[in-house]
Amino acid sequence: MEKNECTCHKNTKRDEEQIKKLIHRLNRIEGQIRGIKGMIEADAYCKDILVQSSAVSAAMNAFNRELLASHIHTCVVRDIRKGNDEVVDELVSLLQKLMK
């Protein structure tokens, strides 16, 4: 490793199909958020806003599940095969954050 090489930033190369799916999910979530903002501006009933907010949470959870599954199947497996067992601790820490 060169003296100036930084290992603190990792990247993941995704295929076109995965990028398309993830961006599509995020665009839908972004639309839901804009809808909630509009509801607030229109003085919508609190219950109705909360139902939409819950839908956004569910959509984010689905996004996270998809990305996590991909992470485990690609990044984690790759690093373990390379002998980098620290990736398991990283995964455990990530799961703890996601389960809060």
Protein backbone atom coordinates (compact mmCIF):
# COMPACT_ATOMS: atom_id res chain seq x y z
CA MET A 1 0.00 0.00 0.00
CA GLU A 2 1.36 3.41 -0.92
CA LYS A 3 1.87 5.98 1.81
CA ASN A 4 -0.90 8.31 0.51
CA GLU A 5 -3.40 5.57 -0.36
CA CYS A 6 -6.62 5.94 1.63
CA THR A 7 -8.51 2.81 2.64
CA CYS A 8 -11.22 4.68 4.54
CA HIS A 9 -13.50 5.03 1.50
CA LYS A 10 -14.87 1.91 -0.13
CA ASN A 11 -16.77 1.70 -3.39
CA THR A 12 -19.15 -0.86 -4.80
CA LYS A 13 -19.49 -1.40 -8.53
CA ARG A 14 -23.13 -2.14 -9.31
CA ASP A 15 -24.52 -3.44 -12.58
CA GLU A 16 -26.90 -1.31 -14.64
CA GLU A 17 -29.96 -3.33 -13.62
CA GLN A 18 -29.31 -2.96 -9.89
CA ILE A 19 -28.67 0.77 -10.26
CA LYS A 20 -31.91 1.13 -12.21
CA LYS A 21 -33.91 -0.77 -9.55
CA LEU A 22 -32.44 1.18 -6.62
CA ILE A 23 -32.90 4.56 -8.31
CA HIS A 24 -36.48 3.63 -9.22
CA ARG A 25 -37.24 2.83 -5.58
CA LEU A 26 -35.65 6.09 -4.42
CA ASN A 27 -37.59 8.10 -7.00
CA ARG A 28 -40.84 6.57 -5.75
CA ILE A 29 -39.89 7.40 -2.16
CA GLU A 30 -38.97 10.94 -3.18
CA GLY A 31 -42.42 11.28 -4.77
CA GLN A 32 -44.05 10.03 -1.58
CA ILE A 33 -42.12 12.62 0.46
CA ARG A 34 -43.21 15.39 -1.90
CA GLY A 35 -46.78 14.15 -1.49
CA ILE A 36 -46.50 14.37 2.29
CA LYS A 37 -45.11 17.90 2.03
CA GLY A 38 -48.09 18.81 -0.12
CA MET A 39 -50.45 17.30 2.40
CA ILE A 40 -48.93 19.39 5.17
CA GLU A 41 -49.17 22.54 3.05
CA ALA A 42 -52.82 21.69 2.34
CA ASP A 43 -53.58 21.19 6.05
CA ALA A 44 -54.43 17.52 5.56
CA TYR A 45 -55.72 15.52 8.50
CA CYS A 46 -52.92 14.23 10.77
CA LYS A 47 -54.01 10.60 10.47
CA ASP A 48 -53.79 10.74 6.68
CA ILE A 49 -50.28 12.21 6.82
CA LEU A 50 -49.20 9.55 9.32
CA VAL A 51 -50.48 6.79 7.04
CA GLN A 52 -48.41 8.21 4.17
CA SER A 53 -45.40 8.61 6.44
CA SER A 54 -45.73 4.96 7.43
CA ALA A 55 -45.78 4.02 3.74
CA VAL A 56 -42.51 5.94 3.24
CA SER A 57 -40.95 4.08 6.18
CA ALA A 58 -42.03 0.76 4.69
CA ALA A 59 -40.59 1.77 1.31
CA MET A 60 -37.27 2.75 2.91
CA ASN A 61 -37.19 -0.57 4.77
CA ALA A 62 -37.71 -2.42 1.48
CA PHE A 63 -34.91 -0.37 -0.11
CA ASN A 64 -32.61 -1.18 2.82
CA ARG A 65 -33.43 -4.90 2.65
CA GLU A 66 -32.64 -5.03 -1.06
CA LEU A 67 -29.38 -3.13 -0.65
CA LEU A 68 -28.38 -5.19 2.40
CA ALA A 69 -28.98 -8.47 0.57
CA SER A 70 -26.85 -7.25 -2.31
CA HIS A 71 -24.14 -6.11 0.10
CA ILE A 72 -23.99 -9.51 1.77
CA HIS A 73 -23.98 -11.45 -1.53
CA THR A 74 -21.28 -9.29 -3.08
CA CYS A 75 -19.11 -7.17 -0.78
CA VAL A 76 -19.20 -9.36 2.33
CA VAL A 77 -18.68 -12.64 0.46
CA ARG A 78 -15.85 -11.10 -1.60
CA ASP A 79 -14.05 -9.78 1.48
CA ILE A 80 -14.41 -13.05 3.40
CA ARG A 81 -13.01 -14.98 0.42
CA LYS A 82 -10.05 -12.57 0.43
CA GLY A 83 -9.47 -13.38 4.10
CA ASN A 84 -10.78 -10.04 5.38
CA ASP A 85 -12.75 -11.31 8.36
CA GLU A 86 -13.18 -7.76 9.74
CA VAL A 87 -16.05 -7.42 7.27
CA VAL A 88 -18.11 -9.62 9.63
CA ASP A 89 -17.68 -7.10 12.46
CA GLU A 90 -18.58 -4.34 10.01
CA LEU A 91 -21.74 -6.24 9.02
CA VAL A 92 -22.73 -6.84 12.65
CA SER A 93 -22.29 -3.12 13.38
CA LEU A 94 -24.36 -2.25 10.33
CA LEU A 95 -27.17 -4.61 11.35
CA GLN A 96 -27.21 -3.10 14.84
CA LYS A 97 -27.64 0.38 13.32
CA LEU A 98 -30.40 -0.81 10.98
CA MET A 99 -32.31 -2.50 13.80
CA LYS A 100 -32.61 0.56 16.04
